[in-house]
């Protein structure tokens, strides 16, 4: 479609309209991604965990409150809450990073708008800004994106890392001969559950602002003095999504089973 033609101006304008509105944003402590985006390759302090399924193009959203705006990668699906990374929520509410002036609170009404993926380019730490996906555990999502004309379908990279917090696997790029093959090829056997320590993922602990290892909860640095309360005076965590240890354990068991069966 050529938008330069007057006949198509209204059609093109409608096609570029992005969803916008108000959400009650809540703080989320622990990084995860339901589609296998690797936390060691993205800014885990700028993630949106929203109810809708993860899209193949609309993966970037802006969130604003009292004149402050952040961009977030929408790469996980919540069970109903509009969760965002604790550090992002803390900054929007207080103007300070959670590591410097942590606060507590519950839902806060904030304005959101879907943004072009390019607005989230600084949040993706790969060559070319391609979305980093697990070669062993992202294929269902990736296949759906490759089946359509999507941003993720054209801008992804597969790694032989098995879990979103990058504690298992090998930090190496894999290739996929799609659609001839539906399984990636990696320098090391795909799905090998090697312990991975070279690419740690960190969470910012709710309330304290401590920086902790996502893999074991070890504190690596302490947060600053806390602000006693948020504007709402609440002291609750978000929609039951603070701890994700059970999901990580299940994924680890599944990966180990995959590796064992592959060697029989």
Protein backbone atom coordinates (compact mmCIF):
# COMPACT_ATOMS: atom_id res chain seq x y z
CA UNK A 1 0.00 0.00 0.00
CA UNK A 2 1.35 3.47 -0.93
CA UNK A 3 0.41 5.99 1.72
CA UNK A 4 1.54 8.84 -0.54
CA UNK A 5 -1.64 8.45 -2.55
CA UNK A 6 -4.50 10.64 -1.20
CA UNK A 7 -6.88 7.73 -1.68
CA UNK A 8 -5.00 5.71 0.93
CA UNK A 9 -4.27 8.46 3.48
CA UNK A 10 -7.18 7.61 5.78
CA UNK A 11 -6.51 3.87 5.49
CA UNK A 12 -2.83 4.30 6.37
CA UNK A 13 -3.62 6.58 9.28
CA UNK A 14 -6.02 3.98 10.68
CA UNK A 15 -3.42 1.23 10.24
CA UNK A 16 -0.87 3.12 12.38
CA UNK A 17 -3.23 3.85 15.29
CA UNK A 18 -1.96 2.09 18.40
CA UNK A 19 -3.90 0.98 21.47
CA UNK A 20 -3.87 3.42 24.39
CA UNK A 21 -5.68 3.89 27.68
CA UNK A 22 -5.37 3.61 31.45
CA UNK A 23 -4.20 0.59 33.43
CA UNK A 24 -3.80 0.00 37.15
CA UNK A 25 -0.10 -0.86 37.22
CA UNK A 26 1.35 -3.03 39.97
CA UNK A 27 4.99 -3.79 40.88
CA UNK A 28 6.51 -7.12 39.88
CA UNK A 29 9.70 -8.42 41.48
CA UNK A 30 10.86 -11.52 39.59
CA UNK A 31 11.75 -11.67 35.90
CA UNK A 32 10.02 -14.21 33.68
CA UNK A 33 8.91 -14.58 30.08
CA UNK A 34 6.15 -16.94 28.98
CA UNK A 35 7.55 -17.02 25.42
CA UNK A 36 11.17 -17.67 26.43
CA UNK A 37 12.77 -14.25 26.06
CA UNK A 38 16.16 -14.47 27.77
CA UNK A 39 16.58 -12.15 30.73
CA UNK A 40 20.36 -12.01 30.36
CA UNK A 41 19.92 -10.36 26.96
CA UNK A 42 17.31 -7.71 27.86
CA UNK A 43 16.78 -5.01 30.50
CA UNK A 44 14.82 -6.92 33.13
CA UNK A 45 13.97 -3.66 34.90
CA UNK A 46 11.77 -2.60 32.00
CA UNK A 47 9.32 -5.46 31.44
CA UNK A 48 5.50 -5.49 31.23
CA UNK A 49 3.63 -8.57 32.51
CA UNK A 50 0.14 -7.95 31.14
CA UNK A 51 -2.99 -10.12 30.76
CA UNK A 52 -3.05 -10.32 26.95
CA UNK A 53 -1.03 -13.02 25.20
CA UNK A 54 2.37 -11.91 23.92
CA UNK A 55 2.08 -10.39 20.45
CA UNK A 56 4.50 -10.91 17.58
CA UNK A 57 4.72 -7.20 16.73
CA UNK A 58 3.31 -5.12 19.58
CA UNK A 59 5.99 -6.03 22.12
CA UNK A 60 6.78 -2.46 23.19
CA UNK A 61 4.60 -0.20 25.32
CA UNK A 62 5.05 3.21 26.93
CA UNK A 63 3.76 3.80 30.45
CA UNK A 64 3.39 7.27 31.97
CA UNK A 65 2.62 8.75 35.37
CA UNK A 66 2.91 12.34 36.64
CA UNK A 67 5.07 13.47 33.71
CA UNK A 68 7.40 10.46 33.81
CA UNK A 69 7.45 7.87 31.01
CA UNK A 70 9.21 4.54 30.54
CA UNK A 71 9.18 2.05 27.69
CA UNK A 72 8.63 -1.60 28.52
CA UNK A 73 9.01 -4.90 26.70
CA UNK A 74 5.68 -6.79 26.85
CA UNK A 75 7.05 -10.34 26.78
CA UNK A 76 5.14 -12.18 29.50
CA UNK A 77 1.47 -12.86 30.19
CA UNK A 78 0.05 -12.30 33.65
CA UNK A 79 -2.93 -13.98 35.23
CA UNK A 80 -4.91 -10.73 35.18
CA UNK A 81 -2.82 -7.95 36.72
CA UNK A 82 -1.02 -5.19 34.83
CA UNK A 83 2.35 -5.92 36.39
CA UNK A 84 5.52 -4.06 35.49
CA UNK A 85 9.09 -4.46 36.72
CA UNK A 86 9.42 -3.16 40.26
CA UNK A 87 12.16 -0.71 39.29
CA UNK A 88 10.02 0.77 36.49
CA UNK A 89 6.97 1.05 38.78
CA UNK A 90 9.06 2.62 41.54
CA UNK A 91 10.53 5.20 39.16
CA UNK A 92 7.14 6.15 37.76
CA UNK A 93 5.63 6.52 41.24
CA UNK A 94 8.55 8.25 43.02
CA UNK A 95 10.96 9.53 40.38
CA UNK A 96 13.73 7.32 41.81
CA UNK A 97 15.09 3.88 40.84
CA UNK A 98 14.04 1.13 43.24
CA UNK A 99 17.68 0.53 44.15
CA UNK A 100 18.01 4.12 45.40
CA UNK A 101 14.66 4.92 47.07
CA UNK A 102 12.46 1.81 47.21
CA UNK A 103 8.81 2.18 48.09
CA UNK A 104 5.83 -0.11 48.45
CA UNK A 105 2.31 0.00 47.11
CA UNK A 106 -0.38 -1.54 45.00
CA UNK A 107 -2.25 -0.60 41.82
CA UNK A 108 -1.64 2.92 40.49
CA UNK A 109 -3.58 4.33 37.52
CA UNK A 110 -1.11 4.98 34.70
CA UNK A 111 -1.46 5.88 31.03
CA UNK A 112 -0.20 3.42 28.46
CA UNK A 113 0.21 3.33 24.70
CA UNK A 114 1.49 0.65 22.37
CA UNK A 115 4.77 1.85 20.87
CA UNK A 116 6.81 0.94 17.82
CA UNK A 117 9.33 -1.80 18.64
CA UNK A 118 12.13 0.64 17.82
CA UNK A 119 11.23 2.59 20.99
CA UNK A 120 12.36 -0.43 23.02
CA UNK A 121 15.60 -0.96 21.08
CA UNK A 122 17.77 0.13 24.02
CA UNK A 123 16.18 -2.57 26.19
CA UNK A 124 17.41 -5.42 23.96
CA UNK A 125 21.11 -6.22 24.34
CA UNK A 126 21.86 -8.24 21.22
CA UNK A 127 23.55 -7.45 17.92
CA UNK A 128 21.06 -5.66 15.74
CA UNK A 129 18.55 -5.39 18.58
CA UNK A 130 17.02 -8.77 17.77
CA UNK A 131 14.72 -10.36 20.34
CA UNK A 132 16.69 -13.12 22.16
CA UNK A 133 14.73 -16.36 22.39
CA UNK A 134 15.43 -19.80 23.86
CA UNK A 135 16.09 -22.22 20.98
CA UNK A 136 14.76 -25.12 23.05
CA UNK A 137 11.66 -23.51 24.55
CA UNK A 138 10.46 -20.68 22.28
CA UNK A 139 9.58 -22.57 19.12
CA UNK A 140 5.79 -22.50 19.51
CA UNK A 141 5.84 -18.73 19.91
CA UNK A 142 8.42 -18.21 17.17
CA UNK A 143 6.56 -20.46 14.74
CA UNK A 144 3.43 -18.38 15.18
CA UNK A 145 5.45 -15.22 14.49
CA UNK A 146 7.16 -16.70 11.43
CA UNK A 147 3.76 -17.64 10.03
CA UNK A 148 2.80 -13.98 9.78
CA UNK A 149 4.36 -10.72 8.65
CA UNK A 150 5.58 -9.77 12.13
CA UNK A 151 8.38 -7.84 13.79
CA UNK A 152 9.53 -10.83 15.87
CA UNK A 153 9.47 -13.06 12.80
CA UNK A 154 11.97 -10.72 11.16
CA UNK A 155 13.93 -9.66 14.25
CA UNK A 156 14.84 -12.60 16.50
CA UNK A 157 17.91 -14.56 17.47
CA UNK A 158 17.97 -18.03 19.04
CA UNK A 159 20.32 -19.04 21.84
CA UNK A 160 21.02 -22.47 23.31
CA UNK A 161 19.92 -21.19 26.73
CA UNK A 162 17.10 -23.13 28.31
CA UNK A 163 15.38 -20.86 30.82
CA UNK A 164 14.44 -17.15 30.92
CA UNK A 165 16.77 -16.45 33.87
CA UNK A 166 19.71 -17.99 31.98
CA UNK A 167 20.81 -20.54 34.59
CA UNK A 168 20.87 -23.58 32.26
CA UNK A 169 22.29 -24.18 28.80
CA UNK A 170 25.09 -22.69 26.71
CA UNK A 171 25.46 -19.06 25.71
CA UNK A 172 25.74 -19.62 21.98
CA UNK A 173 23.75 -18.58 18.92
CA UNK A 174 21.77 -21.24 17.05
CA UNK A 175 20.44 -21.30 13.49
CA UNK A 176 17.02 -22.33 12.21
CA UNK A 177 16.37 -23.47 8.64
CA UNK A 178 12.71 -22.46 8.61
CA UNK A 179 10.36 -23.82 7.31
CA UNK A 180 12.43 -26.84 6.26
CA UNK A 181 13.22 -27.56 9.90
CA UNK A 182 11.33 -26.75 13.07
CA UNK A 183 14.27 -27.34 15.41
CA UNK A 184 17.34 -25.14 15.71
CA UNK A 185 20.91 -26.30 15.26
CA UNK A 186 23.45 -25.14 17.86
CA UNK A 187 27.23 -25.59 18.27
CA UNK A 188 26.49 -27.67 21.38
CA UNK A 189 23.66 -30.21 21.35
CA UNK A 190 20.35 -28.38 21.62
CA UNK A 191 18.87 -28.58 25.11
CA UNK A 192 21.97 -29.76 26.98
CA UNK A 193 21.29 -28.75 30.61
CA UNK A 194 24.72 -27.38 31.46
CA UNK A 195 24.89 -25.10 34.48
CA UNK A 196 25.25 -21.55 33.16
CA UNK A 197 26.80 -18.91 35.42
CA UNK A 198 28.34 -16.50 32.91
CA UNK A 199 25.08 -14.67 32.15
CA UNK A 200 23.38 -13.95 35.49
CA UNK A 201 19.96 -12.35 35.71
CA UNK A 202 19.21 -10.02 38.59
CA UNK A 203 15.96 -8.99 40.25
CA UNK A 204 15.30 -5.91 42.35
CA UNK A 205 13.74 -7.05 45.61
CA UNK A 206 10.40 -5.56 46.50
CA UNK A 207 10.44 -3.20 49.48
CA UNK A 208 14.22 -3.33 50.10
CA UNK A 209 15.59 -2.38 46.68
CA UNK A 210 18.25 -5.08 47.07
CA UNK A 211 19.75 -6.45 43.87
CA UNK A 212 19.53 -10.25 43.99
CA UNK A 213 20.50 -13.15 41.77
CA UNK A 214 17.38 -14.54 40.11
CA UNK A 215 18.77 -18.08 40.18
CA UNK A 216 19.21 -18.38 43.96
CA UNK A 217 18.05 -15.18 45.65
CA UNK A 218 21.54 -14.18 46.80
CA UNK A 219 21.85 -10.48 47.59
CA UNK A 220 24.64 -8.86 45.57
CA UNK A 221 24.03 -5.24 46.58
CA UNK A 222 21.81 -3.43 49.07
CA UNK A 223 19.16 -0.88 48.21
CA UNK A 224 19.00 2.68 49.46
CA UNK A 225 16.76 4.17 52.18
CA UNK A 226 13.12 3.39 51.61
CA UNK A 227 10.28 5.82 51.07
CA UNK A 228 7.70 4.83 53.65
CA UNK A 229 4.67 4.62 51.38
CA UNK A 230 3.41 5.11 47.86
CA UNK A 231 0.78 7.74 46.99
CA UNK A 232 -1.95 5.20 47.73
CA UNK A 233 -0.54 4.22 51.11
CA UNK A 234 -0.77 0.53 50.20
CA UNK A 235 1.65 -2.21 51.16
CA UNK A 236 0.86 -5.16 48.95
CA UNK A 237 2.65 -7.03 46.23
CA UNK A 238 1.18 -7.57 42.81
CA UNK A 239 -1.37 -10.17 41.67
CA UNK A 240 0.38 -13.27 43.00
CA UNK A 241 3.28 -12.96 40.54
CA UNK A 242 6.16 -11.98 42.79
CA UNK A 243 7.78 -15.39 43.04
CA UNK A 244 8.33 -17.59 40.01
CA UNK A 245 10.45 -20.37 41.53
CA UNK A 246 7.83 -23.04 40.80
CA UNK A 247 7.81 -22.25 37.09
CA UNK A 248 11.61 -22.26 36.92
CA UNK A 249 11.72 -25.63 38.70
CA UNK A 250 9.18 -27.15 36.32
CA UNK A 251 11.11 -25.80 33.33
CA UNK A 252 14.37 -27.23 34.66
CA UNK A 253 12.80 -30.67 35.14
CA UNK A 254 11.35 -30.55 31.64
CA UNK A 255 14.71 -29.56 30.13
CA UNK A 256 16.49 -32.40 31.94
CA UNK A 257 13.89 -34.90 30.69
CA UNK A 258 14.28 -33.56 27.15
CA UNK A 259 18.06 -34.02 27.35
CA UNK A 260 17.85 -37.56 28.78
CA UNK A 261 15.33 -38.74 26.18
CA UNK A 262 17.46 -37.27 23.44
CA UNK A 263 20.37 -39.45 24.49
CA UNK A 264 18.43 -42.72 24.61
